């Protein structure tokens, strides 16, 4: 069924949410209930965030919504490994990503009754115009507004943005619709748009990430006659910055450290043509040697061994914030 959807004109949404610490609150697909779910899914029995995701998907006139907890057999390691390796296809292929931005667990709702406080009314020539206060939630959407030119340098970190798995979801999705307590916020590769319209003409244009630039310039960098000149370097594509941001986030299972980054690694491999090895890269210009220079960031929580089977020379063997030397030379 998955292959049929990926290679058809079917349009779908994909849900971005936090599972939360209490796994009993989340609806999952298992070997025991798979046949029942294939026959019928009772929406009333699903956790609140999934119910809201279905409502939103229908409102957008889309045919399907992809929810990892219900699309991957949770007690099947084989199915999990097969599906996690295709995350890039699912994120990029989705028409839109539904982001439960403020949710800390699957038991939280995305659709809320709003209370905007007192509204002022301006009487115009034709009809009254309601005016409400500026809303705080819009400033929490993206870390890319932390640049000096932005009017919003102090970005609030929301629960969903603290999770390791959600980084590649955020990075790979072409369009995201964020649901907050106060309003809905639209985000795509070129702009942000909020209901209260508090983005100015200068800071609603999102700066491109290096990976986004690579996607846009792909044809120009596909020179097979001279691959060393045509490929992007790891530095230019933003790999080291991605690792530093990624490892500052929390992850429940250390066995997920590499899988939760696999979609981004797949993209980096495509554009650099380097070989991926336990979170490090092998290729020209002694890339691998530089990658071995990672170190733990002492300003964050004390790192601990991940005990996830990763070799000790890889940053993925550590649960904790990783950083690389400021000087990155011409490696990769």
C-alpha atoms as a PDB file:
ATOM      1  CA  UNK A   1       0.000   0.000   0.000  1.00  0.00           C
ATOM      2  CA  UNK A   2       2.861   2.379   0.881  1.00  0.00           C
ATOM      3  CA  UNK A   3       4.530   1.902  -2.508  1.00  0.00           C
ATOM      4  CA  UNK A   4       1.224   2.505  -4.258  1.00  0.00           C
ATOM      5  CA  UNK A   5       0.789   5.820  -2.445  1.00  0.00           C
ATOM      6  CA  UNK A   6       4.378   6.985  -3.029  1.00  0.00           C
ATOM      7  CA  UNK A   7       4.173   6.296  -6.756  1.00  0.00           C
ATOM      8  CA  UNK A   8       0.715   7.673  -7.419  1.00  0.00           C
ATOM      9  CA  UNK A   9      -1.133  10.968  -7.507  1.00  0.00           C
ATOM     10  CA  UNK A  10      -2.550  10.395  -4.031  1.00  0.00           C
ATOM     11  CA  UNK A  11      -2.061  13.394  -1.744  1.00  0.00           C
ATOM     12  CA  UNK A  12      -1.526  13.038   1.976  1.00  0.00           C
ATOM     13  CA  UNK A  13      -0.710  14.970   5.122  1.00  0.00           C
ATOM     14  CA  UNK A  14       1.842  13.824   7.682  1.00  0.00           C
ATOM     15  CA  UNK A  15       1.632  14.466  11.418  1.00  0.00           C
ATOM     16  CA  UNK A  16       4.510  15.945  13.419  1.00  0.00           C
ATOM     17  CA  UNK A  17       3.941  15.482  17.128  1.00  0.00           C
ATOM     18  CA  UNK A  18       5.535  14.464  20.410  1.00  0.00           C
ATOM     19  CA  UNK A  19       4.803  11.007  21.796  1.00  0.00           C
ATOM     20  CA  UNK A  20       5.221  12.093  25.401  1.00  0.00           C
ATOM     21  CA  UNK A  21       6.550  10.144  28.395  1.00  0.00           C
ATOM     22  CA  UNK A  22       3.388   8.067  28.956  1.00  0.00           C
ATOM     23  CA  UNK A  23       3.199   5.659  26.017  1.00  0.00           C
ATOM     24  CA  UNK A  24      -0.195   4.355  27.200  1.00  0.00           C
ATOM     25  CA  UNK A  25      -1.748   7.620  25.956  1.00  0.00           C
ATOM     26  CA  UNK A  26      -0.780   7.029  22.329  1.00  0.00           C
ATOM     27  CA  UNK A  27      -2.632   4.918  19.781  1.00  0.00           C
ATOM     28  CA  UNK A  28      -0.294   2.475  18.038  1.00  0.00           C
ATOM     29  CA  UNK A  29      -0.333  -0.208  15.377  1.00  0.00           C
ATOM     30  CA  UNK A  30       0.845  -3.589  16.680  1.00  0.00           C
ATOM     31  CA  UNK A  31       0.900  -7.148  15.430  1.00  0.00           C
ATOM     32  CA  UNK A  32      -2.043  -7.907  17.717  1.00  0.00           C
ATOM     33  CA  UNK A  33      -4.401  -5.192  16.434  1.00  0.00           C
ATOM     34  CA  UNK A  34      -3.246  -4.919  12.810  1.00  0.00           C
ATOM     35  CA  UNK A  35      -6.056  -7.022  11.323  1.00  0.00           C
ATOM     36  CA  UNK A  36      -8.693  -5.104  13.275  1.00  0.00           C
ATOM     37  CA  UNK A  37      -7.242  -1.768  12.146  1.00  0.00           C
ATOM     38  CA  UNK A  38      -7.113  -2.919   8.538  1.00  0.00           C
ATOM     39  CA  UNK A  39     -10.846  -3.558   8.723  1.00  0.00           C
ATOM     40  CA  UNK A  40     -11.871  -0.401  10.552  1.00  0.00           C
ATOM     41  CA  UNK A  41     -10.427   2.268  12.835  1.00  0.00           C
ATOM     42  CA  UNK A  42     -12.762   3.725  15.427  1.00  0.00           C
ATOM     43  CA  UNK A  43     -11.725   7.381  15.596  1.00  0.00           C
ATOM     44  CA  UNK A  44     -13.276   7.779  19.035  1.00  0.00           C
ATOM     45  CA  UNK A  45     -10.707   5.367  20.477  1.00  0.00           C
ATOM     46  CA  UNK A  46      -7.698   7.289  19.126  1.00  0.00           C
ATOM     47  CA  UNK A  47      -5.655   9.688  21.212  1.00  0.00           C
ATOM     48  CA  UNK A  48      -6.722  13.376  20.992  1.00  0.00           C
ATOM     49  CA  UNK A  49      -3.884  14.579  18.757  1.00  0.00           C
ATOM     50  CA  UNK A  50      -4.640  11.851  16.199  1.00  0.00           C
ATOM     51  CA  UNK A  51      -8.340  12.709  16.205  1.00  0.00           C
ATOM     52  CA  UNK A  52      -7.473  16.338  15.520  1.00  0.00           C
ATOM     53  CA  UNK A  53      -5.033  15.351  12.766  1.00  0.00           C
ATOM     54  CA  UNK A  54      -7.828  13.447  11.003  1.00  0.00           C
ATOM     55  CA  UNK A  55     -10.184  16.424  11.345  1.00  0.00           C
ATOM     56  CA  UNK A  56      -7.543  18.776   9.904  1.00  0.00           C
ATOM     57  CA  UNK A  57      -6.737  16.406   7.035  1.00  0.00           C
ATOM     58  CA  UNK A  58     -10.395  16.215   6.061  1.00  0.00           C
ATOM     59  CA  UNK A  59     -10.663  19.988   6.286  1.00  0.00           C
ATOM     60  CA  UNK A  60      -7.780  20.263   3.825  1.00  0.00           C
ATOM     61  CA  UNK A  61      -9.569  17.853   1.433  1.00  0.00           C
ATOM     62  CA  UNK A  62      -6.681  15.376   1.526  1.00  0.00           C
ATOM     63  CA  UNK A  63      -7.186  11.639   1.230  1.00  0.00           C
ATOM     64  CA  UNK A  64      -4.754  10.299   3.809  1.00  0.00           C
ATOM     65  CA  UNK A  65      -2.830  11.277   6.913  1.00  0.00           C
ATOM     66  CA  UNK A  66       0.425   9.530   7.767  1.00  0.00           C
ATOM     67  CA  UNK A  67       1.021   8.956  11.476  1.00  0.00           C
ATOM     68  CA  UNK A  68       4.137   6.951  12.269  1.00  0.00           C
ATOM     69  CA  UNK A  69       2.662   5.332  15.365  1.00  0.00           C
ATOM     70  CA  UNK A  70      -0.153   3.888  13.265  1.00  0.00           C
ATOM     71  CA  UNK A  71       1.684   3.300   9.989  1.00  0.00           C
ATOM     72  CA  UNK A  72       4.619   1.339  11.432  1.00  0.00           C
ATOM     73  CA  UNK A  73       4.090  -1.905  13.346  1.00  0.00           C
ATOM     74  CA  UNK A  74       5.491  -0.844  16.698  1.00  0.00           C
ATOM     75  CA  UNK A  75       6.424  -4.319  17.949  1.00  0.00           C
ATOM     76  CA  UNK A  76       8.087  -5.373  14.686  1.00  0.00           C
ATOM     77  CA  UNK A  77      11.799  -4.432  14.449  1.00  0.00           C
ATOM     78  CA  UNK A  78      11.851  -5.483  10.793  1.00  0.00           C
ATOM     79  CA  UNK A  79       8.956  -3.209   9.850  1.00  0.00           C
ATOM     80  CA  UNK A  80      10.390  -0.361  11.922  1.00  0.00           C
ATOM     81  CA  UNK A  81      13.799  -0.560  10.221  1.00  0.00           C
ATOM     82  CA  UNK A  82      12.230  -0.826   6.762  1.00  0.00           C
ATOM     83  CA  UNK A  83       9.936   2.150   7.278  1.00  0.00           C
ATOM     84  CA  UNK A  84      12.410   4.383   9.129  1.00  0.00           C
ATOM     85  CA  UNK A  85      14.757   4.101   6.147  1.00  0.00           C
ATOM     86  CA  UNK A  86      12.050   5.691   3.948  1.00  0.00           C
ATOM     87  CA  UNK A  87      11.245   8.680   6.127  1.00  0.00           C
ATOM     88  CA  UNK A  88      12.747  11.121   3.616  1.00  0.00           C
ATOM     89  CA  UNK A  89      10.230   9.941   0.993  1.00  0.00           C
ATOM     90  CA  UNK A  90       7.298  10.329   3.353  1.00  0.00           C
ATOM     91  CA  UNK A  91       8.256  13.803   4.600  1.00  0.00           C
ATOM     92  CA  UNK A  92       9.092  15.191   1.168  1.00  0.00           C
ATOM     93  CA  UNK A  93       6.170  13.525  -0.565  1.00  0.00           C
ATOM     94  CA  UNK A  94       3.520  14.815   1.806  1.00  0.00           C
ATOM     95  CA  UNK A  95       1.354  17.664   0.599  1.00  0.00           C
ATOM     96  CA  UNK A  96       1.659  19.267   4.015  1.00  0.00           C
ATOM     97  CA  UNK A  97       2.950  18.519   7.490  1.00  0.00           C
ATOM     98  CA  UNK A  98       0.584  19.062  10.413  1.00  0.00           C
ATOM     99  CA  UNK A  99       2.624  20.309  13.352  1.00  0.00           C
ATOM    100  CA  UNK A 100       1.331  19.919  16.903  1.00  0.00           C
ATOM    101  CA  UNK A 101       3.750  22.634  17.968  1.00  0.00           C
ATOM    102  CA  UNK A 102       2.725  23.042  21.600  1.00  0.00           C
ATOM    103  CA  UNK A 103       1.971  19.413  22.372  1.00  0.00           C
ATOM    104  CA  UNK A 104       4.121  17.610  24.910  1.00  0.00           C
ATOM    105  CA  UNK A 105       2.316  14.294  24.394  1.00  0.00           C
ATOM    106  CA  UNK A 106      -0.174  12.547  22.123  1.00  0.00           C
ATOM    107  CA  UNK A 107      -2.796  13.232  24.783  1.00  0.00           C
ATOM    108  CA  UNK A 108      -2.747  16.954  23.969  1.00  0.00           C
ATOM    109  CA  UNK A 109      -5.186  18.556  21.562  1.00  0.00           C
ATOM    110  CA  UNK A 110      -4.211  20.687  18.588  1.00  0.00           C
ATOM    111  CA  UNK A 111      -7.624  22.266  18.086  1.00  0.00           C
ATOM    112  CA  UNK A 112      -8.470  24.538  20.999  1.00  0.00           C
ATOM    113  CA  UNK A 113     -11.184  26.909  22.060  1.00  0.00           C
ATOM    114  CA  UNK A 114      -9.501  30.285  21.770  1.00  0.00           C
ATOM    115  CA  UNK A 115      -9.536  33.108  24.243  1.00  0.00           C
ATOM    116  CA  UNK A 116      -7.923  36.194  22.774  1.00  0.00           C
ATOM    117  CA  UNK A 117      -8.990  38.492  25.557  1.00  0.00           C
ATOM    118  CA  UNK A 118     -10.704  41.824  24.967  1.00  0.00           C
ATOM    119  CA  UNK A 119     -11.143  42.932  21.378  1.00  0.00           C
ATOM    120  CA  UNK A 120     -11.349  46.516  20.205  1.00  0.00           C
ATOM    121  CA  UNK A 121     -13.880  47.364  17.510  1.00  0.00           C
ATOM    122  CA  UNK A 122     -13.258  49.980  14.847  1.00  0.00           C
ATOM    123  CA  UNK A 123     -16.385  51.119  13.019  1.00  0.00           C
ATOM    124  CA  UNK A 124     -15.736  51.595   9.317  1.00  0.00           C
ATOM    125  CA  UNK A 125     -17.876  52.778   6.438  1.00  0.00           C
ATOM    126  CA  UNK A 126     -19.223  49.324   5.635  1.00  0.00           C
ATOM    127  CA  UNK A 127     -18.785  47.023   8.646  1.00  0.00           C
ATOM    128  CA  UNK A 128     -17.126  46.920  12.086  1.00  0.00           C
ATOM    129  CA  UNK A 129     -13.537  45.744  12.192  1.00  0.00           C
ATOM    130  CA  UNK A 130     -12.280  43.734  15.180  1.00  0.00           C
ATOM    131  CA  UNK A 131      -8.756  44.422  16.437  1.00  0.00           C
ATOM    132  CA  UNK A 132      -6.973  42.046  18.797  1.00  0.00           C
ATOM    133  CA  UNK A 133      -3.637  42.072  20.584  1.00  0.00           C
ATOM    134  CA  UNK A 134      -0.448  40.640  19.088  1.00  0.00           C
ATOM    135  CA  UNK A 135      -0.040  36.943  19.854  1.00  0.00           C
ATOM    136  CA  UNK A 136       3.053  35.388  21.376  1.00  0.00           C
ATOM    137  CA  UNK A 137       2.921  31.975  19.735  1.00  0.00           C
ATOM    138  CA  UNK A 138       4.088  33.111  16.309  1.00  0.00           C
ATOM    139  CA  UNK A 139       7.606  33.772  17.537  1.00  0.00           C
ATOM    140  CA  UNK A 140       8.072  30.127  18.487  1.00  0.00           C
ATOM    141  CA  UNK A 141       7.833  28.511  15.079  1.00  0.00           C
ATOM    142  CA  UNK A 142      11.323  28.500  13.678  1.00  0.00           C
ATOM    143  CA  UNK A 143      14.898  28.713  14.942  1.00  0.00           C
ATOM    144  CA  UNK A 144      15.899  30.432  11.700  1.00  0.00           C
ATOM    145  CA  UNK A 145      14.555  33.756  12.950  1.00  0.00           C
ATOM    146  CA  UNK A 146      17.436  34.022  15.411  1.00  0.00           C
ATOM    147  CA  UNK A 147      19.513  36.071  12.988  1.00  0.00           C
ATOM    148  CA  UNK A 148      20.543  39.631  13.695  1.00  0.00           C
ATOM    149  CA  UNK A 149      18.260  41.044  11.025  1.00  0.00           C
ATOM    150  CA  UNK A 150      15.207  39.471  12.609  1.00  0.00           C
ATOM    151  CA  UNK A 151      12.935  41.376  14.940  1.00  0.00           C
ATOM    152  CA  UNK A 152      12.566  38.170  16.972  1.00  0.00           C
ATOM    153  CA  UNK A 153      15.896  37.144  18.415  1.00  0.00           C
ATOM    154  CA  UNK A 154      14.539  35.529  21.581  1.00  0.00           C
ATOM    155  CA  UNK A 155      12.656  32.554  20.193  1.00  0.00           C
ATOM    156  CA  UNK A 156      10.703  30.532  22.740  1.00  0.00           C
ATOM    157  CA  UNK A 157      11.529  26.834  22.556  1.00  0.00           C
ATOM    158  CA  UNK A 158       8.345  24.779  22.357  1.00  0.00           C
ATOM    159  CA  UNK A 159       7.992  21.116  23.447  1.00  0.00           C
ATOM    160  CA  UNK A 160       7.987  19.743  19.905  1.00  0.00           C
ATOM    161  CA  UNK A 161      11.216  21.566  19.054  1.00  0.00           C
ATOM    162  CA  UNK A 162      13.053  19.849  21.898  1.00  0.00           C
ATOM    163  CA  UNK A 163      12.699  16.359  20.435  1.00  0.00           C
ATOM    164  CA  UNK A 164      15.443  14.801  18.303  1.00  0.00           C
ATOM    165  CA  UNK A 165      13.083  13.019  15.905  1.00  0.00           C
ATOM    166  CA  UNK A 166      11.288  16.226  14.943  1.00  0.00           C
ATOM    167  CA  UNK A 167      14.416  17.915  13.540  1.00  0.00           C
ATOM    168  CA  UNK A 168      14.465  15.884  10.331  1.00  0.00           C
ATOM    169  CA  UNK A 169      10.694  16.144  10.055  1.00  0.00           C
ATOM    170  CA  UNK A 170      11.011  19.926  10.200  1.00  0.00           C
ATOM    171  CA  UNK A 171      13.952  19.931   7.775  1.00  0.00           C
ATOM    172  CA  UNK A 172      12.453  17.670   5.119  1.00  0.00           C
ATOM    173  CA  UNK A 173       8.852  18.901   4.931  1.00  0.00           C
ATOM    174  CA  UNK A 174       8.123  21.322   2.059  1.00  0.00           C
ATOM    175  CA  UNK A 175       5.129  22.925   3.832  1.00  0.00           C
ATOM    176  CA  UNK A 176       4.131  22.984   7.489  1.00  0.00           C
ATOM    177  CA  UNK A 177       0.987  24.197   9.197  1.00  0.00           C
ATOM    178  CA  UNK A 178       1.606  24.822  12.905  1.00  0.00           C
ATOM    179  CA  UNK A 179      -1.213  24.628  15.421  1.00  0.00           C
ATOM    180  CA  UNK A 180      -0.725  26.639  18.602  1.00  0.00           C
ATOM    181  CA  UNK A 181      -3.031  27.605  21.461  1.00  0.00           C
ATOM    182  CA  UNK A 182      -3.598  31.034  19.938  1.00  0.00           C
ATOM    183  CA  UNK A 183      -3.483  30.685  16.170  1.00  0.00           C
ATOM    184  CA  UNK A 184      -2.497  28.748  13.068  1.00  0.00           C
ATOM    185  CA  UNK A 185       0.844  29.525  11.410  1.00  0.00           C
ATOM    186  CA  UNK A 186       1.853  28.634   7.868  1.00  0.00           C
ATOM    187  CA  UNK A 187       5.470  27.863   6.989  1.00  0.00           C
ATOM    188  CA  UNK A 188       7.052  26.877   3.688  1.00  0.00           C
ATOM    189  CA  UNK A 189      10.521  27.263   2.193  1.00  0.00           C
ATOM    190  CA  UNK A 190       9.981  30.938   1.431  1.00  0.00           C
ATOM    191  CA  UNK A 191       7.807  32.482   4.110  1.00  0.00           C
ATOM    192  CA  UNK A 192       5.902  32.457   7.365  1.00  0.00           C
ATOM    193  CA  UNK A 193       2.329  33.686   7.660  1.00  0.00           C
ATOM    194  CA  UNK A 194       0.387  33.965  10.902  1.00  0.00           C
ATOM    195  CA  UNK A 195      -3.235  34.801  11.574  1.00  0.00           C
ATOM    196  CA  UNK A 196      -2.369  37.994  13.439  1.00  0.00           C
ATOM    197  CA  UNK A 197      -0.027  39.037  10.598  1.00  0.00           C
ATOM    198  CA  UNK A 198       2.732  40.137  12.957  1.00  0.00           C
ATOM    199  CA  UNK A 199       5.519  39.312  10.520  1.00  0.00           C
ATOM    200  CA  UNK A 200       6.944  42.330   8.764  1.00  0.00           C
ATOM    201  CA  UNK A 201       7.979  42.374   5.124  1.00  0.00           C
ATOM    202  CA  UNK A 202      11.591  41.955   6.283  1.00  0.00           C
ATOM    203  CA  UNK A 203      11.408  39.020   8.651  1.00  0.00           C
ATOM    204  CA  UNK A 204       8.677  36.832   7.210  1.00  0.00           C
ATOM    205  CA  UNK A 205      11.033  35.676   4.484  1.00  0.00           C
ATOM    206  CA  UNK A 206      12.824  32.697   5.942  1.00  0.00           C
ATOM    207  CA  UNK A 207      16.564  32.447   5.249  1.00  0.00           C
ATOM    208  CA  UNK A 208      17.376  29.257   3.391  1.00  0.00           C
ATOM    209  CA  UNK A 209      19.184  26.477   5.184  1.00  0.00           C
ATOM    210  CA  UNK A 210      22.225  25.040   3.373  1.00  0.00           C
ATOM    211  CA  UNK A 211      20.267  21.867   2.642  1.00  0.00           C
ATOM    212  CA  UNK A 212      17.468  23.881   1.024  1.00  0.00           C
ATOM    213  CA  UNK A 213      20.022  25.670  -1.130  1.00  0.00           C
ATOM    214  CA  UNK A 214      21.404  22.316  -2.236  1.00  0.00           C
ATOM    215  CA  UNK A 215      17.958  21.146  -3.304  1.00  0.00           C
ATOM    216  CA  UNK A 216      17.347  24.291  -5.345  1.00  0.00           C
ATOM    217  CA  UNK A 217      20.730  24.210  -7.068  1.00  0.00           C
ATOM    218  CA  UNK A 218      20.831  20.466  -7.687  1.00  0.00           C
ATOM    219  CA  UNK A 219      21.015  20.627 -11.527  1.00  0.00           C
ATOM    220  CA  UNK A 220      23.930  23.067 -11.391  1.00  0.00           C
ATOM    221  CA  UNK A 221      25.859  20.757  -9.082  1.00  0.00           C
ATOM    222  CA  UNK A 222      25.335  17.540 -10.964  1.00  0.00           C
ATOM    223  CA  UNK A 223      28.456  17.604 -13.107  1.00  0.00           C
ATOM    224  CA  UNK A 224      29.393  13.940 -13.493  1.00  0.00           C
ATOM    225  CA  UNK A 225      32.491  14.825 -15.506  1.00  0.00           C
ATOM    226  CA  UNK A 226      34.025  16.613 -12.512  1.00  0.00           C
ATOM    227  CA  UNK A 227      32.360  15.324  -9.333  1.00  0.00           C
ATOM    228  CA  UNK A 228      34.856  16.959  -6.973  1.00  0.00           C
ATOM    229  CA  UNK A 229      33.898  20.403  -8.249  1.00  0.00           C
ATOM    230  CA  UNK A 230      30.212  19.655  -8.655  1.00  0.00           C
ATOM    231  CA  UNK A 231      29.358  18.253  -5.211  1.00  0.00           C
ATOM    232  CA  UNK A 232      28.580  20.234  -2.092  1.00  0.00           C
ATOM    233  CA  UNK A 233      30.955  19.979   0.855  1.00  0.00           C
ATOM    234  CA  UNK A 234      29.748  18.877   4.282  1.00  0.00           C
ATOM    235  CA  UNK A 235      30.477  22.337   5.620  1.00  0.00           C
ATOM    236  CA  UNK A 236      28.533  24.105   2.885  1.00  0.00           C
ATOM    237  CA  UNK A 237      25.593  21.764   3.197  1.00  0.00           C
ATOM    238  CA  UNK A 238      25.420  22.464   6.950  1.00  0.00           C
ATOM    239  CA  UNK A 239      26.085  18.940   8.253  1.00  0.00           C
ATOM    240  CA  UNK A 240      28.131  19.962  11.289  1.00  0.00           C
ATOM    241  CA  UNK A 241      25.615  22.615  12.296  1.00  0.00           C
ATOM    242  CA  UNK A 242      22.843  20.019  11.967  1.00  0.00           C
ATOM    243  CA  UNK A 243      24.674  17.592  14.283  1.00  0.00           C
ATOM    244  CA  UNK A 244      25.226  20.267  16.917  1.00  0.00           C
ATOM    245  CA  UNK A 245      21.537  21.245  16.876  1.00  0.00           C
ATOM    246  CA  UNK A 246      20.360  17.636  16.715  1.00  0.00           C
ATOM    247  CA  UNK A 247      22.406  16.397  19.671  1.00  0.00           C
ATOM    248  CA  UNK A 248      21.180  19.264  21.854  1.00  0.00           C
ATOM    249  CA  UNK A 249      17.674  17.768  21.649  1.00  0.00           C
ATOM    250  CA  UNK A 250      16.265  14.991  23.820  1.00  0.00           C
ATOM    251  CA  UNK A 251      15.792  11.432  22.622  1.00  0.00           C
ATOM    252  CA  UNK A 252      14.048   8.641  24.533  1.00  0.00           C
ATOM    253  CA  UNK A 253      15.856   5.634  23.079  1.00  0.00           C
ATOM    254  CA  UNK A 254      19.574   5.894  22.336  1.00  0.00           C
ATOM    255  CA  UNK A 255      19.113   3.207  19.695  1.00  0.00           C
ATOM    256  CA  UNK A 256      17.274   5.919  17.696  1.00  0.00           C
ATOM    257  CA  UNK A 257      20.210   8.348  17.564  1.00  0.00           C
ATOM    258  CA  UNK A 258      21.226   7.415  14.011  1.00  0.00           C
ATOM    259  CA  UNK A 259      17.770   6.401  12.662  1.00  0.00           C
ATOM    260  CA  UNK A 260      16.264   9.742  13.752  1.00  0.00           C
ATOM    261  CA  UNK A 261      18.789  11.474  11.488  1.00  0.00           C
ATOM    262  CA  UNK A 262      18.706   8.991   8.598  1.00  0.00           C
ATOM    263  CA  UNK A 263      16.490  11.068   6.282  1.00  0.00           C
ATOM    264  CA  UNK A 264      18.868  14.032   6.494  1.00  0.00           C
ATOM    265  CA  UNK A 265      21.902  11.755   6.084  1.00  0.00           C
ATOM    266  CA  UNK A 266      20.336  10.322   2.940  1.00  0.00           C
ATOM    267  CA  UNK A 267      20.014  13.820   1.482  1.00  0.00           C
ATOM    268  CA  UNK A 268      23.583  14.725   2.421  1.00  0.00           C
ATOM    269  CA  UNK A 269      24.824  11.533   0.764  1.00  0.00           C
ATOM    270  CA  UNK A 270      22.928  12.408  -2.417  1.00  0.00           C
ATOM    271  CA  UNK A 271      24.467  15.872  -2.700  1.00  0.00           C
ATOM    272  CA  UNK A 272      28.009  15.123  -1.509  1.00  0.00           C
ATOM    273  CA  UNK A 273      28.428  11.565  -2.847  1.00  0.00           C
ATOM    274  CA  UNK A 274      30.374  10.727   0.327  1.00  0.00           C
ATOM    275  CA  UNK A 275      30.056   7.395   2.151  1.00  0.00           C
ATOM    276  CA  UNK A 276      28.182   7.413   5.452  1.00  0.00           C
ATOM    277  CA  UNK A 277      29.690   5.494   8.349  1.00  0.00           C
ATOM    278  CA  UNK A 278      28.037   5.578  11.802  1.00  0.00           C
ATOM    279  CA  UNK A 279      27.406   9.321  11.651  1.00  0.00           C
ATOM    280  CA  UNK A 280      30.733  10.151   9.999  1.00  0.00           C
ATOM    281  CA  UNK A 281      31.629  10.559   6.336  1.00  0.00           C
ATOM    282  CA  UNK A 282      34.351   8.981   4.231  1.00  0.00           C
ATOM    283  CA  UNK A 283      35.561  10.586   1.023  1.00  0.00           C
ATOM    284  CA  UNK A 284      38.106  12.938  -0.453  1.00  0.00           C
ATOM    285  CA  UNK A 285      40.046  15.640   1.438  1.00  0.00           C
ATOM    286  CA  UNK A 286      40.381  13.545   4.615  1.00  0.00           C
ATOM    287  CA  UNK A 287      36.772  14.130   5.601  1.00  0.00           C
ATOM    288  CA  UNK A 288      36.728  11.167   7.971  1.00  0.00           C
ATOM    289  CA  UNK A 289      39.709  12.473   9.963  1.00  0.00           C
ATOM    290  CA  UNK A 290      38.022  15.797  10.608  1.00  0.00           C
ATOM    291  CA  UNK A 291      34.780  14.068  11.624  1.00  0.00           C
ATOM    292  CA  UNK A 292      36.728  12.238  14.334  1.00  0.00           C
ATOM    293  CA  UNK A 293      37.492  15.580  16.002  1.00  0.00           C
ATOM    294  CA  UNK A 294      34.038  15.867  17.585  1.00  0.00           C
ATOM    295  CA  UNK A 295      33.854  16.731  21.261  1.00  0.00           C
ATOM    296  CA  UNK A 296      31.171  17.047  23.908  1.00  0.00           C
ATOM    297  CA  UNK A 297      29.817  20.472  24.724  1.00  0.00           C
ATOM    298  CA  UNK A 298      30.443  21.010  28.431  1.00  0.00           C
ATOM    299  CA  UNK A 299      27.966  23.888  28.613  1.00  0.00           C
ATOM    300  CA  UNK A 300      25.082  21.445  28.195  1.00  0.00           C
ATOM    301  CA  UNK A 301      24.100  18.458  30.326  1.00  0.00           C
ATOM    302  CA  UNK A 302      26.891  16.023  31.080  1.00  0.00           C
ATOM    303  CA  UNK A 303      27.204  13.465  28.259  1.00  0.00           C
ATOM    304  CA  UNK A 304      26.833   9.748  28.910  1.00  0.00           C
ATOM    305  CA  UNK A 305      27.598   6.653  26.852  1.00  0.00           C
ATOM    306  CA  UNK A 306      24.651   5.767  24.646  1.00  0.00           C
ATOM    307  CA  UNK A 307      25.221   1.989  24.797  1.00  0.00           C
ATOM    308  CA  UNK A 308      23.555   1.675  21.400  1.00  0.00           C
ATOM    309  CA  UNK A 309      26.163  -0.334  19.510  1.00  0.00           C
ATOM    310  CA  UNK A 310      27.783   2.687  17.860  1.00  0.00           C
ATOM    311  CA  UNK A 311      31.602   2.582  17.744  1.00  0.00           C
ATOM    312  CA  UNK A 312      33.296   4.668  20.443  1.00  0.00           C
ATOM    313  CA  UNK A 313      34.958   6.879  17.807  1.00  0.00           C
ATOM    314  CA  UNK A 314      31.576   8.136  16.579  1.00  0.00           C
ATOM    315  CA  UNK A 315      29.626  11.003  18.144  1.00  0.00           C
ATOM    316  CA  UNK A 316      26.562   8.736  17.925  1.00  0.00           C
ATOM    317  CA  UNK A 317      27.979   6.659  20.819  1.00  0.00           C
ATOM    318  CA  UNK A 318      27.240   9.591  23.142  1.00  0.00           C
ATOM    319  CA  UNK A 319      23.941  10.901  24.498  1.00  0.00           C
ATOM    320  CA  UNK A 320      24.705  14.589  24.844  1.00  0.00           C
ATOM    321  CA  UNK A 321      25.418  17.774  22.930  1.00  0.00           C
ATOM    322  CA  UNK A 322      28.223  17.382  20.375  1.00  0.00           C
ATOM    323  CA  UNK A 323      30.268  20.141  18.774  1.00  0.00           C
ATOM    324  CA  UNK A 324      32.999  20.278  16.137  1.00  0.00           C
ATOM    325  CA  UNK A 325      36.035  22.579  15.975  1.00  0.00           C
ATOM    326  CA  UNK A 326      35.254  26.040  14.644  1.00  0.00           C
ATOM    327  CA  UNK A 327      37.874  25.641  11.939  1.00  0.00           C
ATOM    328  CA  UNK A 328      36.506  23.210   9.373  1.00  0.00           C
ATOM    329  CA  UNK A 329      38.981  23.782   6.561  1.00  0.00           C
ATOM    330  CA  UNK A 330      38.144  22.251   3.203  1.00  0.00           C
ATOM    331  CA  UNK A 331      37.157  18.846   4.515  1.00  0.00           C
ATOM    332  CA  UNK A 332      34.366  17.077   2.654  1.00  0.00           C
END
